[in-house]
Amino acid sequence: MMTHTQAREAFMRLIDSFDYLDQSMIFTQNQKQPSQPFEPPDQGLWCRVVVRNAPSFISCMADEPRTRTVGNLIIQCFDRLGNDTIELSKLGDAWIKHLQFKQVDQLTIMTGSVIDVGEAEDFYQFNVIFEYRIN
């Protein structure tokens, strides 16, 4: 069985291998910071990645109970206000191409959706949301 820690490490390896956007523009939750905290760029795209587990449940009762965890991988994509949303849309498509239907050990990433969230502070936001299953 895959642990939550192993699943999170697999997610981070997949995020780290995304090459459509410079890795310095991808902020993951509670990541180690260099000398300065993350600052959104004055122009250009950037992303924030969040993994949200739902409660685990018993998936089978063989020799011993087996659990399954489901949840969402949420990639919030941002661009400054006043820019066309086509670049955000292309970024969302690139995330889907990179992650949709991936399987790493007992982690399965399922369908991805691009959702236009709209304005958030000084940015326009698209969310790319993937359902996933562990075990």
N, C-alpha and C. Protein backbone atom coordinates (compact mmCIF):
# COMPACT_ATOMS: atom_id res chain seq x y z
N MET A 1 0.83 -1.19 0.00
CA MET A 1 0.00 0.00 0.00
C MET A 1 0.87 1.25 0.00
N MET A 2 0.44 2.22 -0.73
CA MET A 2 1.16 3.49 -0.81
C MET A 2 0.73 4.38 0.35
N THR A 3 1.69 4.99 1.00
CA THR A 3 1.39 5.92 2.09
C THR A 3 1.12 7.30 1.54
N HIS A 4 0.55 8.17 2.38
CA HIS A 4 0.33 9.56 1.97
C HIS A 4 1.65 10.25 1.63
N THR A 5 2.68 9.94 2.40
CA THR A 5 3.99 10.54 2.14
C THR A 5 4.53 10.11 0.78
N GLN A 6 4.42 8.83 0.46
CA GLN A 6 4.88 8.36 -0.85
C GLN A 6 4.09 9.00 -1.99
N ALA A 7 2.78 9.17 -1.79
CA ALA A 7 1.95 9.81 -2.82
C ALA A 7 2.37 11.27 -3.01
N ARG A 8 2.59 11.97 -1.90
CA ARG A 8 3.01 13.38 -2.00
C ARG A 8 4.35 13.49 -2.71
N GLU A 9 5.27 12.59 -2.41
CA GLU A 9 6.57 12.60 -3.09
C GLU A 9 6.40 12.34 -4.59
N ALA A 10 5.49 11.44 -4.96
CA ALA A 10 5.23 11.17 -6.38
C ALA A 10 4.63 12.40 -7.06
N PHE A 11 3.69 13.08 -6.37
CA PHE A 11 3.13 14.32 -6.93
C PHE A 11 4.25 15.33 -7.19
N MET A 12 5.14 15.51 -6.21
CA MET A 12 6.18 16.52 -6.35
C MET A 12 7.15 16.18 -7.48
N ARG A 13 7.46 14.90 -7.67
CA ARG A 13 8.31 14.51 -8.81
C ARG A 13 7.62 14.85 -10.13
N LEU A 14 6.32 14.60 -10.21
CA LEU A 14 5.59 14.93 -11.43
C LEU A 14 5.55 16.45 -11.66
N ILE A 15 5.32 17.20 -10.61
CA ILE A 15 5.30 18.67 -10.73
C ILE A 15 6.68 19.17 -11.14
N ASP A 16 7.73 18.62 -10.54
CA ASP A 16 9.10 19.03 -10.86
C ASP A 16 9.49 18.71 -12.30
N SER A 17 8.83 17.75 -12.92
CA SER A 17 9.17 17.38 -14.30
C SER A 17 8.35 18.16 -15.34
N PHE A 18 7.48 19.06 -14.90
CA PHE A 18 6.68 19.89 -15.80
C PHE A 18 7.60 20.96 -16.40
N ASP A 19 7.73 20.99 -17.72
CA ASP A 19 8.68 21.91 -18.34
C ASP A 19 8.04 23.00 -19.19
N TYR A 20 6.72 23.14 -19.14
CA TYR A 20 6.06 24.20 -19.90
C TYR A 20 6.32 25.57 -19.27
N LEU A 21 6.51 25.58 -17.96
CA LEU A 21 6.71 26.81 -17.20
C LEU A 21 7.97 26.66 -16.37
N ASP A 22 8.75 27.73 -16.24
CA ASP A 22 9.96 27.69 -15.42
C ASP A 22 9.59 27.26 -14.00
N GLN A 23 10.34 26.34 -13.43
CA GLN A 23 10.05 25.81 -12.10
C GLN A 23 10.03 26.90 -11.02
N SER A 24 10.75 27.99 -11.23
CA SER A 24 10.75 29.07 -10.24
C SER A 24 9.38 29.77 -10.17
N MET A 25 8.52 29.51 -11.16
CA MET A 25 7.18 30.12 -11.20
C MET A 25 6.10 29.14 -10.74
N ILE A 26 6.52 28.02 -10.16
CA ILE A 26 5.58 27.03 -9.62
C ILE A 26 5.80 26.94 -8.13
N PHE A 27 4.81 27.37 -7.38
CA PHE A 27 4.89 27.42 -5.92
C PHE A 27 4.07 26.26 -5.35
N THR A 28 4.71 25.40 -4.56
CA THR A 28 3.99 24.30 -3.93
C THR A 28 3.78 24.59 -2.46
N GLN A 29 2.71 24.05 -1.91
CA GLN A 29 2.35 24.37 -0.53
C GLN A 29 3.48 24.04 0.44
N ASN A 30 3.78 24.98 1.29
CA ASN A 30 4.75 24.83 2.36
C ASN A 30 6.14 24.41 1.86
N GLN A 31 6.50 24.85 0.67
CA GLN A 31 7.81 24.48 0.13
C GLN A 31 8.91 25.25 0.83
N LYS A 32 10.10 24.66 0.81
CA LYS A 32 11.25 25.36 1.36
C LYS A 32 11.53 26.58 0.50
N GLN A 33 11.79 27.66 1.15
CA GLN A 33 12.03 28.91 0.46
C GLN A 33 13.53 29.19 0.35
N PRO A 34 13.94 29.75 -0.79
CA PRO A 34 15.31 30.27 -0.79
C PRO A 34 15.37 31.44 0.20
N SER A 35 16.27 32.33 0.03
CA SER A 35 16.42 33.42 1.00
C SER A 35 15.20 34.33 1.08
N GLN A 36 14.41 34.40 0.02
CA GLN A 36 13.22 35.27 0.00
C GLN A 36 11.96 34.43 -0.23
N PRO A 37 10.83 34.83 0.34
CA PRO A 37 9.58 34.13 0.06
C PRO A 37 9.17 34.34 -1.40
N PHE A 38 8.29 33.47 -1.89
CA PHE A 38 7.84 33.57 -3.27
C PHE A 38 7.12 34.89 -3.51
N GLU A 39 7.49 35.56 -4.56
CA GLU A 39 6.82 36.79 -4.99
C GLU A 39 6.30 36.58 -6.40
N PRO A 40 5.00 36.80 -6.64
CA PRO A 40 4.50 36.66 -8.00
C PRO A 40 5.24 37.62 -8.93
N PRO A 41 5.46 37.20 -10.18
CA PRO A 41 6.18 38.05 -11.12
C PRO A 41 5.36 39.28 -11.51
N ASP A 42 6.04 40.33 -11.96
CA ASP A 42 5.35 41.52 -12.44
C ASP A 42 4.58 41.23 -13.73
N GLN A 43 5.08 40.30 -14.52
CA GLN A 43 4.37 39.86 -15.71
C GLN A 43 4.68 38.40 -15.95
N GLY A 44 3.80 37.76 -16.66
CA GLY A 44 3.99 36.35 -16.95
C GLY A 44 3.16 35.45 -16.04
N LEU A 45 3.14 34.20 -16.38
CA LEU A 45 2.33 33.20 -15.69
C LEU A 45 3.05 32.63 -14.47
N TRP A 46 2.26 32.20 -13.50
CA TRP A 46 2.79 31.48 -12.35
C TRP A 46 1.70 30.57 -11.80
N CYS A 47 2.11 29.58 -11.01
CA CYS A 47 1.16 28.60 -10.48
C CYS A 47 1.41 28.32 -9.01
N ARG A 48 0.32 27.92 -8.35
CA ARG A 48 0.40 27.43 -6.97
C ARG A 48 -0.24 26.04 -6.97
N VAL A 49 0.45 25.05 -6.39
CA VAL A 49 -0.01 23.66 -6.39
C VAL A 49 -0.43 23.26 -4.98
N VAL A 50 -1.62 22.65 -4.88
CA VAL A 50 -2.15 22.21 -3.59
C VAL A 50 -2.70 20.79 -3.75
N VAL A 51 -2.37 19.92 -2.80
CA VAL A 51 -2.91 18.56 -2.77
C VAL A 51 -3.92 18.51 -1.63
N ARG A 52 -5.15 18.11 -1.94
CA ARG A 52 -6.21 18.04 -0.93
C ARG A 52 -6.75 16.62 -0.86
N ASN A 53 -6.37 15.91 0.21
CA ASN A 53 -6.91 14.56 0.43
C ASN A 53 -8.32 14.65 0.99
N ALA A 54 -9.14 13.71 0.60
CA ALA A 54 -10.44 13.50 1.23
C ALA A 54 -10.25 12.39 2.26
N PRO A 55 -11.23 12.12 3.08
CA PRO A 55 -11.08 11.03 4.04
C PRO A 55 -10.85 9.68 3.35
N SER A 56 -10.04 8.85 3.97
CA SER A 56 -9.81 7.49 3.47
C SER A 56 -11.01 6.62 3.80
N PHE A 57 -11.14 5.54 3.06
CA PHE A 57 -12.22 4.59 3.33
C PHE A 57 -11.71 3.18 3.08
N ILE A 58 -12.39 2.18 3.64
CA ILE A 58 -12.01 0.79 3.43
C ILE A 58 -12.44 0.40 2.03
N SER A 59 -11.48 -0.11 1.25
CA SER A 59 -11.79 -0.48 -0.14
C SER A 59 -11.97 -1.97 -0.33
N CYS A 60 -11.44 -2.79 0.59
CA CYS A 60 -11.67 -4.23 0.53
C CYS A 60 -11.30 -4.86 1.87
N MET A 61 -11.82 -6.07 2.07
CA MET A 61 -11.54 -6.82 3.30
C MET A 61 -10.99 -8.18 2.90
N ALA A 62 -9.72 -8.25 2.58
CA ALA A 62 -9.09 -9.52 2.23
C ALA A 62 -8.51 -10.10 3.52
N ASP A 63 -7.25 -10.50 3.50
CA ASP A 63 -6.62 -10.99 4.73
C ASP A 63 -6.58 -9.90 5.79
N GLU A 64 -6.51 -8.67 5.33
CA GLU A 64 -6.56 -7.50 6.21
C GLU A 64 -7.25 -6.37 5.46
N PRO A 65 -7.83 -5.43 6.18
CA PRO A 65 -8.52 -4.32 5.49
C PRO A 65 -7.54 -3.49 4.66
N ARG A 66 -8.01 -3.03 3.53
CA ARG A 66 -7.24 -2.13 2.65
C ARG A 66 -7.98 -0.81 2.57
N THR A 67 -7.21 0.27 2.61
CA THR A 67 -7.84 1.59 2.53
C THR A 67 -7.52 2.24 1.20
N ARG A 68 -8.37 3.16 0.83
CA ARG A 68 -8.18 3.96 -0.38
C ARG A 68 -8.41 5.41 0.01
N THR A 69 -7.60 6.28 -0.55
CA THR A 69 -7.76 7.71 -0.34
C THR A 69 -8.00 8.35 -1.70
N VAL A 70 -8.94 9.25 -1.74
CA VAL A 70 -9.19 10.02 -2.96
C VAL A 70 -8.98 11.49 -2.62
N GLY A 71 -8.88 12.30 -3.64
CA GLY A 71 -8.72 13.73 -3.40
C GLY A 71 -8.55 14.48 -4.69
N ASN A 72 -8.11 15.72 -4.55
CA ASN A 72 -7.90 16.60 -5.69
C ASN A 72 -6.50 17.18 -5.66
N LEU A 73 -5.88 17.20 -6.83
CA LEU A 73 -4.66 17.97 -7.05
C LEU A 73 -5.13 19.25 -7.72
N ILE A 74 -4.89 20.37 -7.08
CA ILE A 74 -5.37 21.66 -7.58
C ILE A 74 -4.18 22.50 -7.97
N ILE A 75 -4.16 22.92 -9.22
CA ILE A 75 -3.10 23.79 -9.71
C ILE A 75 -3.75 25.11 -10.08
N GLN A 76 -3.47 26.12 -9.27
CA GLN A 76 -4.01 27.45 -9.51
C GLN A 76 -3.02 28.18 -10.42
N CYS A 77 -3.52 28.64 -11.56
CA CYS A 77 -2.68 29.31 -12.56
C CYS A 77 -3.09 30.78 -12.63
N PHE A 78 -2.09 31.67 -12.66
CA PHE A 78 -2.35 33.10 -12.58
C PHE A 78 -1.61 33.86 -13.68
N ASP A 79 -2.22 34.96 -14.10
CA ASP A 79 -1.58 35.95 -14.96
C ASP A 79 -2.10 37.31 -14.49
N ARG A 80 -1.34 38.35 -14.74
CA ARG A 80 -1.77 39.69 -14.35
C ARG A 80 -3.05 40.07 -15.10
N LEU A 81 -3.85 40.90 -14.46
CA LEU A 81 -5.07 41.39 -15.11
C LEU A 81 -4.72 42.16 -16.37
N GLY A 82 -5.62 42.14 -17.34
CA GLY A 82 -5.44 42.90 -18.57
C GLY A 82 -4.78 42.12 -19.68
N ASN A 83 -4.40 40.88 -19.43
CA ASN A 83 -3.81 40.04 -20.47
C ASN A 83 -4.89 39.10 -21.00
N ASP A 84 -4.75 38.68 -22.23
CA ASP A 84 -5.69 37.73 -22.80
C ASP A 84 -5.59 36.41 -22.03
N THR A 85 -6.68 35.69 -21.88
CA THR A 85 -6.67 34.42 -21.14
C THR A 85 -6.16 33.24 -21.96
N ILE A 86 -5.80 33.46 -23.21
CA ILE A 86 -5.35 32.35 -24.05
C ILE A 86 -4.09 31.69 -23.49
N GLU A 87 -3.18 32.47 -22.91
CA GLU A 87 -1.96 31.88 -22.34
C GLU A 87 -2.29 31.03 -21.12
N LEU A 88 -3.25 31.48 -20.31
CA LEU A 88 -3.70 30.66 -19.17
C LEU A 88 -4.34 29.37 -19.67
N SER A 89 -5.11 29.47 -20.73
CA SER A 89 -5.74 28.28 -21.30
C SER A 89 -4.70 27.30 -21.83
N LYS A 90 -3.68 27.81 -22.51
CA LYS A 90 -2.59 26.95 -22.99
C LYS A 90 -1.85 26.29 -21.83
N LEU A 91 -1.64 27.05 -20.76
CA LEU A 91 -0.98 26.50 -19.58
C LEU A 91 -1.83 25.38 -18.97
N GLY A 92 -3.13 25.59 -18.86
CA GLY A 92 -4.02 24.55 -18.36
C GLY A 92 -3.97 23.30 -19.22
N ASP A 93 -3.98 23.48 -20.53
CA ASP A 93 -3.87 22.34 -21.45
C ASP A 93 -2.55 21.59 -21.25
N ALA A 94 -1.47 22.34 -21.02
CA ALA A 94 -0.17 21.70 -20.81
C ALA A 94 -0.16 20.88 -19.53
N TRP A 95 -0.77 21.39 -18.45
CA TRP A 95 -0.86 20.62 -17.21
C TRP A 95 -1.65 19.34 -17.44
N ILE A 96 -2.78 19.43 -18.17
CA ILE A 96 -3.59 18.24 -18.43
C ILE A 96 -2.79 17.22 -19.24
N LYS A 97 -2.11 17.69 -20.28
CA LYS A 97 -1.30 16.78 -21.08
C LYS A 97 -0.23 16.09 -20.22
N HIS A 98 0.33 16.82 -19.28
CA HIS A 98 1.42 16.30 -18.45
C HIS A 98 0.93 15.31 -17.37
N LEU A 99 -0.26 15.53 -16.81
CA LEU A 99 -0.66 14.76 -15.62
C LEU A 99 -1.85 13.83 -15.80
N GLN A 100 -2.74 14.11 -16.73
CA GLN A 100 -3.98 13.34 -16.84
C GLN A 100 -3.69 11.86 -17.14
N PHE A 101 -4.34 10.99 -16.41
CA PHE A 101 -4.26 9.54 -16.56
C PHE A 101 -2.87 8.97 -16.25
N LYS A 102 -2.08 9.68 -15.47
CA LYS A 102 -0.78 9.16 -15.03
C LYS A 102 -0.97 8.18 -13.89
N GLN A 103 -0.11 7.18 -13.85
CA GLN A 103 -0.09 6.25 -12.72
C GLN A 103 1.34 6.09 -12.27
N VAL A 104 1.56 6.29 -10.97
CA VAL A 104 2.86 6.10 -10.34
C VAL A 104 2.62 5.18 -9.15
N ASP A 105 3.09 3.95 -9.26
CA ASP A 105 2.85 2.94 -8.23
C ASP A 105 1.34 2.85 -7.96
N GLN A 106 0.92 3.12 -6.74
CA GLN A 106 -0.50 3.02 -6.38
C GLN A 106 -1.24 4.36 -6.45
N LEU A 107 -0.60 5.37 -7.04
CA LEU A 107 -1.23 6.68 -7.24
C LEU A 107 -1.74 6.74 -8.68
N THR A 108 -3.03 7.03 -8.83
CA THR A 108 -3.62 7.20 -10.15
C THR A 108 -4.22 8.59 -10.23
N ILE A 109 -3.75 9.36 -11.19
CA ILE A 109 -4.31 10.69 -11.45
C ILE A 109 -5.32 10.52 -12.58
N MET A 110 -6.53 10.96 -12.33
CA MET A 110 -7.61 10.74 -13.30
C MET A 110 -7.86 12.00 -14.12
N THR A 111 -9.07 12.30 -14.39
CA THR A 111 -9.41 13.39 -15.31
C THR A 111 -9.00 14.75 -14.77
N GLY A 112 -8.66 15.62 -15.69
CA GLY A 112 -8.32 16.99 -15.36
C GLY A 112 -9.33 17.95 -15.97
N SER A 113 -9.59 19.04 -15.28
CA SER A 113 -10.52 20.06 -15.77
C SER A 113 -9.88 21.43 -15.61
N VAL A 114 -10.11 22.29 -16.58
CA VAL A 114 -9.65 23.67 -16.51
C VAL A 114 -10.87 24.53 -16.20
N ILE A 115 -10.80 25.27 -15.09
CA ILE A 115 -11.92 26.07 -14.63
C ILE A 115 -11.50 27.54 -14.58
N ASP A 116 -12.27 28.38 -15.25
CA ASP A 116 -12.02 29.82 -15.25
C ASP A 116 -12.58 30.38 -13.95
N VAL A 117 -11.69 30.78 -13.05
CA VAL A 117 -12.09 31.30 -11.75
C VAL A 117 -12.39 32.80 -11.82
N GLY A 118 -11.69 33.50 -12.71
CA GLY A 118 -11.90 34.93 -12.85
C GLY A 118 -10.84 35.73 -12.10
N GLU A 119 -11.21 36.94 -11.72
CA GLU A 119 -10.26 37.85 -11.07
C GLU A 119 -10.06 37.48 -9.61
N ALA A 120 -8.80 37.54 -9.19
CA ALA A 120 -8.43 37.32 -7.79
C ALA A 120 -7.32 38.31 -7.48
N GLU A 121 -7.64 39.35 -6.72
CA GLU A 121 -6.71 40.43 -6.39
C GLU A 121 -6.19 41.06 -7.69
N ASP A 122 -4.88 41.04 -7.92
CA ASP A 122 -4.30 41.66 -9.11
C ASP A 122 -4.13 40.68 -10.26
N PHE A 123 -4.76 39.51 -10.16
CA PHE A 123 -4.52 38.44 -11.13
C PHE A 123 -5.81 37.91 -11.71
N TYR A 124 -5.66 37.27 -12.88
CA TYR A 124 -6.74 36.47 -13.44
C TYR A 124 -6.34 35.02 -13.20
N GLN A 125 -7.31 34.19 -12.83
CA GLN A 125 -7.00 32.84 -12.36
C GLN A 125 -7.78 31.77 -13.11
N PHE A 126 -7.06 30.73 -13.51
CA PHE A 126 -7.64 29.47 -13.98
C PHE A 126 -7.19 28.41 -12.98
N ASN A 127 -8.07 27.47 -12.65
CA ASN A 127 -7.67 26.31 -11.84
C ASN A 127 -7.68 25.08 -12.71
N VAL A 128 -6.65 24.27 -12.57
CA VAL A 128 -6.60 22.96 -13.22
C VAL A 128 -6.74 21.95 -12.09
N ILE A 129 -7.82 21.17 -12.13
CA ILE A 129 -8.14 20.28 -11.02
C ILE A 129 -8.16 18.84 -11.52
N PHE A 130 -7.41 18.00 -10.82
CA PHE A 130 -7.35 16.57 -11.14
C PHE A 130 -7.89 15.78 -9.96
N GLU A 131 -8.73 14.81 -10.24
CA GLU A 131 -9.10 13.84 -9.22
C GLU A 131 -7.99 12.79 -9.16
N TYR A 132 -7.74 12.27 -7.98
CA TYR A 132 -6.74 11.21 -7.87
C TYR A 132 -7.20 10.16 -6.87
N ARG A 133 -6.53 9.02 -6.95
CA ARG A 133 -6.83 7.89 -6.07
C ARG A 133 -5.50 7.28 -5.62
N ILE A 134 -5.41 6.97 -4.34
CA ILE A 134 -4.24 6.28 -3.79
C ILE A 134 -4.72 4.90 -3.31
N ASN A 135 -4.07 3.86 -3.79
CA ASN A 135 -4.34 2.45 -3.46
C ASN A 135 -5.63 1.94 -4.07
